[in-house]
Amino acid sequence: MNSVDNSAALWIRRYHPAPDSRVRLVCFPHAGGSASFFHPASAAFSPGADVIALQYPGRQDRRQEPCITDIASLADEITARL
């Protein structure tokens, strides 16, 4: 595994994994929000859809990490993990 694979676990939350689903929904938290906001949606859509919620640095269990303040940098980080 490379460093991108290892760090993907920090960014991606799968509350109700559905890896065999033909559909994957990637959820981006609202400003100031976190991945846990999508827990109910994950339960509602599983197993018909594999719901992935992103957890940004500086939020919930990643609160010790500095927030990313540049949207282009955030997009690059997310792209690398997905």
PDB file of N, CA and C in Angstrom:
ATOM      1  N   MET A   1       0.825  -1.183   0.000  1.00  0.00           N
ATOM      2  CA  MET A   1       0.000   0.000   0.000  1.00  0.00           C
ATOM      3  C   MET A   1       0.870   1.249   0.000  1.00  0.00           C
ATOM      4  N   ASN A   2       0.470   2.245  -0.772  1.00  0.00           N
ATOM      5  CA  ASN A   2       1.241   3.487  -0.762  1.00  0.00           C
ATOM      6  C   ASN A   2       0.627   4.480   0.211  1.00  0.00           C
ATOM      7  N   SER A   3       1.248   5.670   0.339  1.00  0.00           N
ATOM      8  CA  SER A   3       0.777   6.638   1.328  1.00  0.00           C
ATOM      9  C   SER A   3      -0.618   7.156   1.010  1.00  0.00           C
ATOM     10  N   VAL A   4      -0.987   7.242  -0.273  1.00  0.00           N
ATOM     11  CA  VAL A   4      -2.336   7.679  -0.624  1.00  0.00           C
ATOM     12  C   VAL A   4      -3.352   6.663  -0.120  1.00  0.00           C
ATOM     13  N   ASP A   5      -3.066   5.354  -0.298  1.00  0.00           N
ATOM     14  CA  ASP A   5      -3.968   4.319   0.190  1.00  0.00           C
ATOM     15  C   ASP A   5      -4.124   4.395   1.709  1.00  0.00           C
ATOM     16  N   ASN A   6      -3.012   4.613   2.413  1.00  0.00           N
ATOM     17  CA  ASN A   6      -3.057   4.674   3.868  1.00  0.00           C
ATOM     18  C   ASN A   6      -3.844   5.885   4.356  1.00  0.00           C
ATOM     19  N   SER A   7      -3.715   6.999   3.673  1.00  0.00           N
ATOM     20  CA  SER A   7      -4.390   8.204   4.133  1.00  0.00           C
ATOM     21  C   SER A   7      -5.847   8.256   3.698  1.00  0.00           C
ATOM     22  N   ALA A   8      -6.261   7.405   2.779  1.00  0.00           N
ATOM     23  CA  ALA A   8      -7.659   7.392   2.345  1.00  0.00           C
ATOM     24  C   ALA A   8      -8.585   7.096   3.514  1.00  0.00           C
ATOM     25  N   ALA A   9      -8.145   6.285   4.455  1.00  0.00           N
ATOM     26  CA  ALA A   9      -8.967   5.948   5.624  1.00  0.00           C
ATOM     27  C   ALA A   9      -9.272   7.179   6.468  1.00  0.00           C
ATOM     28  N   LEU A  10      -8.415   8.169   6.441  1.00  0.00           N
ATOM     29  CA  LEU A  10      -8.680   9.409   7.168  1.00  0.00           C
ATOM     30  C   LEU A  10      -9.791  10.214   6.508  1.00  0.00           C
ATOM     31  N   TRP A  11      -9.895  10.129   5.212  1.00  0.00           N
ATOM     32  CA  TRP A  11     -10.803  10.958   4.432  1.00  0.00           C
ATOM     33  C   TRP A  11     -12.162  10.318   4.189  1.00  0.00           C
ATOM     34  N   ILE A  12     -12.229   9.005   4.095  1.00  0.00           N
ATOM     35  CA  ILE A  12     -13.449   8.331   3.639  1.00  0.00           C
ATOM     36  C   ILE A  12     -14.106   7.559   4.783  1.00  0.00           C
ATOM     37  N   ARG A  13     -15.406   7.792   4.959  1.00  0.00           N
ATOM     38  CA  ARG A  13     -16.199   7.045   5.940  1.00  0.00           C
ATOM     39  C   ARG A  13     -17.260   6.244   5.190  1.00  0.00           C
ATOM     40  N   ARG A  14     -17.338   4.979   5.506  1.00  0.00           N
ATOM     41  CA  ARG A  14     -18.388   4.097   4.984  1.00  0.00           C
ATOM     42  C   ARG A  14     -19.105   3.510   6.188  1.00  0.00           C
ATOM     43  N   TYR A  15     -20.242   4.079   6.521  1.00  0.00           N
ATOM     44  CA  TYR A  15     -20.970   3.649   7.716  1.00  0.00           C
ATOM     45  C   TYR A  15     -21.721   2.339   7.499  1.00  0.00           C
ATOM     46  N   HIS A  16     -22.206   2.117   6.293  1.00  0.00           N
ATOM     47  CA  HIS A  16     -22.932   0.891   5.941  1.00  0.00           C
ATOM     48  C   HIS A  16     -22.393   0.402   4.599  1.00  0.00           C
ATOM     49  N   PRO A  17     -21.214  -0.193   4.586  1.00  0.00           N
ATOM     50  CA  PRO A  17     -20.577  -0.570   3.323  1.00  0.00           C
ATOM     51  C   PRO A  17     -21.481  -1.456   2.461  1.00  0.00           C
ATOM     52  N   ALA A  18     -21.467  -1.148   1.182  1.00  0.00           N
ATOM     53  CA  ALA A  18     -22.203  -1.946   0.192  1.00  0.00           C
ATOM     54  C   ALA A  18     -21.315  -2.080  -1.042  1.00  0.00           C
ATOM     55  N   PRO A  19     -20.174  -2.754  -0.892  1.00  0.00           N
ATOM     56  CA  PRO A  19     -19.189  -2.808  -1.978  1.00  0.00           C
ATOM     57  C   PRO A  19     -19.693  -3.476  -3.249  1.00  0.00           C
ATOM     58  N   ASP A  20     -20.724  -4.317  -3.149  1.00  0.00           N
ATOM     59  CA  ASP A  20     -21.235  -4.993  -4.341  1.00  0.00           C
ATOM     60  C   ASP A  20     -22.319  -4.192  -5.057  1.00  0.00           C
ATOM     61  N   SER A  21     -22.642  -3.031  -4.518  1.00  0.00           N
ATOM     62  CA  SER A  21     -23.658  -2.182  -5.137  1.00  0.00           C
ATOM     63  C   SER A  21     -23.164  -1.655  -6.482  1.00  0.00           C
ATOM     64  N   ARG A  22     -24.104  -1.452  -7.385  1.00  0.00           N
ATOM     65  CA  ARG A  22     -23.762  -0.893  -8.702  1.00  0.00           C
ATOM     66  C   ARG A  22     -23.692   0.627  -8.657  1.00  0.00           C
ATOM     67  N   VAL A  23     -24.069   1.209  -7.525  1.00  0.00           N
ATOM     68  CA  VAL A  23     -24.109   2.661  -7.370  1.00  0.00           C
ATOM     69  C   VAL A  23     -23.236   3.079  -6.191  1.00  0.00           C
ATOM     70  N   ARG A  24     -22.477   4.139  -6.388  1.00  0.00           N
ATOM     71  CA  ARG A  24     -21.687   4.711  -5.296  1.00  0.00           C
ATOM     72  C   ARG A  24     -22.037   6.187  -5.199  1.00  0.00           C
ATOM     73  N   LEU A  25     -22.405   6.626  -4.016  1.00  0.00           N
ATOM     74  CA  LEU A  25     -22.749   8.016  -3.751  1.00  0.00           C
ATOM     75  C   LEU A  25     -21.655   8.617  -2.889  1.00  0.00           C
ATOM     76  N   VAL A  26     -21.010   9.669  -3.389  1.00  0.00           N
ATOM     77  CA  VAL A  26     -19.966  10.360  -2.637  1.00  0.00           C
ATOM     78  C   VAL A  26     -20.582  11.632  -2.060  1.00  0.00           C
ATOM     79  N   CYS A  27     -20.535  11.759  -0.734  1.00  0.00           N
ATOM     80  CA  CYS A  27     -21.164  12.881  -0.040  1.00  0.00           C
ATOM     81  C   CYS A  27     -20.103  13.856   0.465  1.00  0.00           C
ATOM     82  N   PHE A  28     -20.296  15.117   0.118  1.00  0.00           N
ATOM     83  CA  PHE A  28     -19.396  16.193   0.521  1.00  0.00           C
ATOM     84  C   PHE A  28     -20.082  17.014   1.617  1.00  0.00           C
ATOM     85  N   PRO A  29     -19.508  17.079   2.825  1.00  0.00           N
ATOM     86  CA  PRO A  29     -20.138  17.835   3.900  1.00  0.00           C
ATOM     87  C   PRO A  29     -20.256  19.326   3.581  1.00  0.00           C
ATOM     88  N   HIS A  30     -21.290  19.931   4.128  1.00  0.00           N
ATOM     89  CA  HIS A  30     -21.488  21.372   4.017  1.00  0.00           C
ATOM     90  C   HIS A  30     -20.401  22.097   4.814  1.00  0.00           C
ATOM     91  N   ALA A  31     -20.296  23.402   4.607  1.00  0.00           N
ATOM     92  CA  ALA A  31     -19.296  24.202   5.321  1.00  0.00           C
ATOM     93  C   ALA A  31     -19.463  24.030   6.819  1.00  0.00           C
ATOM     94  N   GLY A  32     -18.405  23.615   7.485  1.00  0.00           N
ATOM     95  CA  GLY A  32     -18.448  23.382   8.920  1.00  0.00           C
ATOM     96  C   GLY A  32     -19.006  22.029   9.310  1.00  0.00           C
ATOM     97  N   GLY A  33     -19.439  21.245   8.320  1.00  0.00           N
ATOM     98  CA  GLY A  33     -20.038  19.941   8.582  1.00  0.00           C
ATOM     99  C   GLY A  33     -19.013  18.820   8.609  1.00  0.00           C
ATOM    100  N   SER A  34     -19.515  17.626   8.831  1.00  0.00           N
ATOM    101  CA  SER A  34     -18.632  16.466   8.902  1.00  0.00           C
ATOM    102  C   SER A  34     -19.312  15.256   8.276  1.00  0.00           C
ATOM    103  N   ALA A  35     -18.560  14.192   8.141  1.00  0.00           N
ATOM    104  CA  ALA A  35     -19.043  12.969   7.504  1.00  0.00           C
ATOM    105  C   ALA A  35     -20.232  12.360   8.239  1.00  0.00           C
ATOM    106  N   SER A  36     -20.274  12.497   9.548  1.00  0.00           N
ATOM    107  CA  SER A  36     -21.341  11.851  10.318  1.00  0.00           C
ATOM    108  C   SER A  36     -22.734  12.370   9.960  1.00  0.00           C
ATOM    109  N   PHE A  37     -22.828  13.529   9.351  1.00  0.00           N
ATOM    110  CA  PHE A  37     -24.114  14.065   8.906  1.00  0.00           C
ATOM    111  C   PHE A  37     -24.802  13.084   7.951  1.00  0.00           C
ATOM    112  N   PHE A  38     -24.009  12.289   7.233  1.00  0.00           N
ATOM    113  CA  PHE A  38     -24.539  11.389   6.216  1.00  0.00           C
ATOM    114  C   PHE A  38     -24.813   9.973   6.727  1.00  0.00           C
ATOM    115  N   HIS A  39     -24.649   9.747   8.021  1.00  0.00           N
ATOM    116  CA  HIS A  39     -24.917   8.422   8.583  1.00  0.00           C
ATOM    117  C   HIS A  39     -26.348   7.966   8.303  1.00  0.00           C
ATOM    118  N   PRO A  40     -27.363   8.793   8.529  1.00  0.00           N
ATOM    119  CA  PRO A  40     -28.734   8.349   8.226  1.00  0.00           C
ATOM    120  C   PRO A  40     -28.954   8.055   6.742  1.00  0.00           C
ATOM    121  N   ALA A  41     -28.370   8.842   5.881  1.00  0.00           N
ATOM    122  CA  ALA A  41     -28.506   8.588   4.442  1.00  0.00           C
ATOM    123  C   ALA A  41     -27.848   7.273   4.067  1.00  0.00           C
ATOM    124  N   SER A  42     -26.715   6.999   4.676  1.00  0.00           N
ATOM    125  CA  SER A  42     -26.023   5.745   4.419  1.00  0.00           C
ATOM    126  C   SER A  42     -26.899   4.555   4.800  1.00  0.00           C
ATOM    127  N   ALA A  43     -27.554   4.649   5.951  1.00  0.00           N
ATOM    128  CA  ALA A  43     -28.439   3.568   6.392  1.00  0.00           C
ATOM    129  C   ALA A  43     -29.629   3.421   5.453  1.00  0.00           C
ATOM    130  N   ALA A  44     -30.168   4.534   5.000  1.00  0.00           N
ATOM    131  CA  ALA A  44     -31.350   4.500   4.145  1.00  0.00           C
ATOM    132  C   ALA A  44     -31.053   3.923   2.756  1.00  0.00           C
ATOM    133  N   PHE A  45     -29.885   4.215   2.219  1.00  0.00           N
ATOM    134  CA  PHE A  45     -29.551   3.783   0.866  1.00  0.00           C
ATOM    135  C   PHE A  45     -28.921   2.400   0.781  1.00  0.00           C
ATOM    136  N   SER A  46     -28.336   1.925   1.871  1.00  0.00           N
ATOM    137  CA  SER A  46     -27.673   0.622   1.865  1.00  0.00           C
ATOM    138  C   SER A  46     -28.715  -0.494   1.864  1.00  0.00           C
ATOM    139  N   PRO A  47     -28.502  -1.579   1.185  1.00  0.00           N
ATOM    140  CA  PRO A  47     -27.357  -1.976   0.382  1.00  0.00           C
ATOM    141  C   PRO A  47     -27.475  -1.585  -1.097  1.00  0.00           C
ATOM    142  N   GLY A  48     -28.490  -0.794  -1.454  1.00  0.00           N
ATOM    143  CA  GLY A  48     -28.666  -0.419  -2.851  1.00  0.00           C
ATOM    144  C   GLY A  48     -27.612   0.523  -3.381  1.00  0.00           C
ATOM    145  N   ALA A  49     -26.982   1.275  -2.477  1.00  0.00           N
ATOM    146  CA  ALA A  49     -25.922   2.199  -2.869  1.00  0.00           C
ATOM    147  C   ALA A  49     -24.813   2.154  -1.824  1.00  0.00           C
ATOM    148  N   ASP A  50     -23.592   2.247  -2.299  1.00  0.00           N
ATOM    149  CA  ASP A  50     -22.434   2.346  -1.424  1.00  0.00           C
ATOM    150  C   ASP A  50     -22.226   3.828  -1.155  1.00  0.00           C
ATOM    151  N   VAL A  51     -22.545   4.276   0.056  1.00  0.00           N
ATOM    152  CA  VAL A  51     -22.457   5.690   0.399  1.00  0.00           C
ATOM    153  C   VAL A  51     -21.103   5.967   1.039  1.00  0.00           C
ATOM    154  N   ILE A  52     -20.382   6.898   0.446  1.00  0.00           N
ATOM    155  CA  ILE A  52     -19.086   7.333   0.952  1.00  0.00           C
ATOM    156  C   ILE A  52     -19.238   8.767   1.436  1.00  0.00           C
ATOM    157  N   ALA A  53     -18.868   9.027   2.666  1.00  0.00           N
ATOM    158  CA  ALA A  53     -18.899  10.383   3.208  1.00  0.00           C
ATOM    159  C   ALA A  53     -17.462  10.841   3.445  1.00  0.00           C
ATOM    160  N   LEU A  54     -17.157  12.049   3.041  1.00  0.00           N
ATOM    161  CA  LEU A  54     -15.811  12.578   3.217  1.00  0.00           C
ATOM    162  C   LEU A  54     -15.678  13.247   4.581  1.00  0.00           C
ATOM    163  N   GLN A  55     -14.521  13.043   5.194  1.00  0.00           N
ATOM    164  CA  GLN A  55     -14.209  13.679   6.482  1.00  0.00           C
ATOM    165  C   GLN A  55     -13.024  14.600   6.251  1.00  0.00           C
ATOM    166  N   TYR A  56     -13.275  15.903   6.313  1.00  0.00           N
ATOM    167  CA  TYR A  56     -12.227  16.886   6.061  1.00  0.00           C
ATOM    168  C   TYR A  56     -11.313  17.045   7.270  1.00  0.00           C
ATOM    169  N   PRO A  57     -10.056  17.444   7.032  1.00  0.00           N
ATOM    170  CA  PRO A  57      -9.170  17.776   8.145  1.00  0.00           C
ATOM    171  C   PRO A  57      -9.782  18.922   8.958  1.00  0.00           C
ATOM    172  N   GLY A  58      -9.584  18.866  10.262  1.00  0.00           N
ATOM    173  CA  GLY A  58     -10.108  19.905  11.136  1.00  0.00           C
ATOM    174  C   GLY A  58     -11.525  19.656  11.619  1.00  0.00           C
ATOM    175  N   ARG A  59     -12.106  18.513  11.244  1.00  0.00           N
ATOM    176  CA  ARG A  59     -13.478  18.191  11.631  1.00  0.00           C
ATOM    177  C   ARG A  59     -13.518  16.897  12.445  1.00  0.00           C
ATOM    178  N   GLN A  60     -14.349  16.858  13.463  1.00  0.00           N
ATOM    179  CA  GLN A  60     -14.588  15.702  14.336  1.00  0.00           C
ATOM    180  C   GLN A  60     -13.294  15.000  14.739  1.00  0.00           C
ATOM    181  N   ASP A  61     -13.118  13.736  14.350  1.00  0.00           N
ATOM    182  CA  ASP A  61     -11.937  12.983  14.790  1.00  0.00           C
ATOM    183  C   ASP A  61     -10.651  13.475  14.140  1.00  0.00           C
ATOM    184  N   ARG A  62     -10.751  14.393  13.197  1.00  0.00           N
ATOM    185  CA  ARG A  62      -9.559  14.982  12.560  1.00  0.00           C
ATOM    186  C   ARG A  62      -9.354  16.426  13.010  1.00  0.00           C
ATOM    187  N   ARG A  63      -9.939  16.798  14.136  1.00  0.00           N
ATOM    188  CA  ARG A  63      -9.910  18.188  14.585  1.00  0.00           C
ATOM    189  C   ARG A  63      -8.506  18.691  14.942  1.00  0.00           C
ATOM    190  N   GLN A  64      -7.580  17.783  15.212  1.00  0.00           N
ATOM    191  CA  GLN A  64      -6.213  18.200  15.531  1.00  0.00           C
ATOM    192  C   GLN A  64      -5.445  18.631  14.273  1.00  0.00           C
ATOM    193  N   GLU A  65      -5.963  18.258  13.113  1.00  0.00           N
ATOM    194  CA  GLU A  65      -5.301  18.597  11.853  1.00  0.00           C
ATOM    195  C   GLU A  65      -5.729  19.988  11.401  1.00  0.00           C
ATOM    196  N   PRO A  66      -4.827  20.714  10.756  1.00  0.00           N
ATOM    197  CA  PRO A  66      -5.227  22.030  10.250  1.00  0.00           C
ATOM    198  C   PRO A  66      -6.234  21.900   9.108  1.00  0.00           C
ATOM    199  N   CYS A  67      -7.182  22.826   9.083  1.00  0.00           N
ATOM    200  CA  CYS A  67      -8.157  22.865   7.986  1.00  0.00           C
ATOM    201  C   CYS A  67      -7.450  23.249   6.689  1.00  0.00           C
ATOM    202  N   ILE A  68      -7.986  22.793   5.597  1.00  0.00           N
ATOM    203  CA  ILE A  68      -7.487  23.203   4.284  1.00  0.00           C
ATOM    204  C   ILE A  68      -8.303  24.418   3.883  1.00  0.00           C
ATOM    205  N   THR A  69      -7.637  25.534   3.623  1.00  0.00           N
ATOM    206  CA  THR A  69      -8.335  26.783   3.361  1.00  0.00           C
ATOM    207  C   THR A  69      -8.435  27.133   1.881  1.00  0.00           C
ATOM    208  N   ASP A  70      -7.805  26.361   1.031  1.00  0.00           N
ATOM    209  CA  ASP A  70      -7.810  26.609  -0.410  1.00  0.00           C
ATOM    210  C   ASP A  70      -8.641  25.523  -1.091  1.00  0.00           C
ATOM    211  N   ILE A  71      -9.707  25.917  -1.779  1.00  0.00           N
ATOM    212  CA  ILE A  71     -10.619  24.943  -2.380  1.00  0.00           C
ATOM    213  C   ILE A  71      -9.916  24.079  -3.427  1.00  0.00           C
ATOM    214  N   ALA A  72      -8.968  24.632  -4.159  1.00  0.00           N
ATOM    215  CA  ALA A  72      -8.242  23.842  -5.159  1.00  0.00           C
ATOM    216  C   ALA A  72      -7.411  22.753  -4.478  1.00  0.00           C
ATOM    217  N   SER A  73      -6.780  23.089  -3.376  1.00  0.00           N
ATOM    218  CA  SER A  73      -6.001  22.094  -2.623  1.00  0.00           C
ATOM    219  C   SER A  73      -6.907  21.019  -2.041  1.00  0.00           C
ATOM    220  N   LEU A  74      -8.063  21.432  -1.526  1.00  0.00           N
ATOM    221  CA  LEU A  74      -9.027  20.469  -0.989  1.00  0.00           C
ATOM    222  C   LEU A  74      -9.491  19.518  -2.087  1.00  0.00           C
ATOM    223  N   ALA A  75      -9.798  20.055  -3.249  1.00  0.00           N
ATOM    224  CA  ALA A  75     -10.236  19.222  -4.377  1.00  0.00           C
ATOM    225  C   ALA A  75      -9.144  18.239  -4.789  1.00  0.00           C
ATOM    226  N   ASP A  76      -7.902  18.684  -4.812  1.00  0.00           N
ATOM    227  CA  ASP A  76      -6.789  17.790  -5.153  1.00  0.00           C
ATOM    228  C   ASP A  76      -6.657  16.657  -4.135  1.00  0.00           C
ATOM    229  N   GLU A  77      -6.774  16.983  -2.854  1.00  0.00           N
ATOM    230  CA  GLU A  77      -6.669  15.968  -1.802  1.00  0.00           C
ATOM    231  C   GLU A  77      -7.797  14.940  -1.928  1.00  0.00           C
ATOM    232  N   ILE A  78      -9.010  15.413  -2.155  1.00  0.00           N
ATOM    233  CA  ILE A  78     -10.154  14.515  -2.278  1.00  0.00           C
ATOM    234  C   ILE A  78      -9.993  13.621  -3.497  1.00  0.00           C
ATOM    235  N   THR A  79      -9.596  14.191  -4.610  1.00  0.00           N
ATOM    236  CA  THR A  79      -9.390  13.424  -5.846  1.00  0.00           C
ATOM    237  C   THR A  79      -8.369  12.310  -5.629  1.00  0.00           C
ATOM    238  N   ALA A  80      -7.307  12.615  -4.920  1.00  0.00           N
ATOM    239  CA  ALA A  80      -6.270  11.613  -4.670  1.00  0.00           C
ATOM    240  C   ALA A  80      -6.811  10.448  -3.844  1.00  0.00           C
ATOM    241  N   ARG A  81      -7.733  10.727  -2.935  1.00  0.00           N
ATOM    242  CA  ARG A  81      -8.270   9.664  -2.076  1.00  0.00           C
ATOM    243  C   ARG A  81      -9.337   8.840  -2.758  1.00  0.00           C
ATOM    244  N   LEU A  82     -10.110   9.480  -3.613  1.00  0.00           N
ATOM    245  CA  LEU A  82     -11.179   8.751  -4.308  1.00  0.00           C
ATOM    246  C   LEU A  82     -10.606   7.920  -5.435  1.00  0.00           C
TER     247      LEU A  82
END
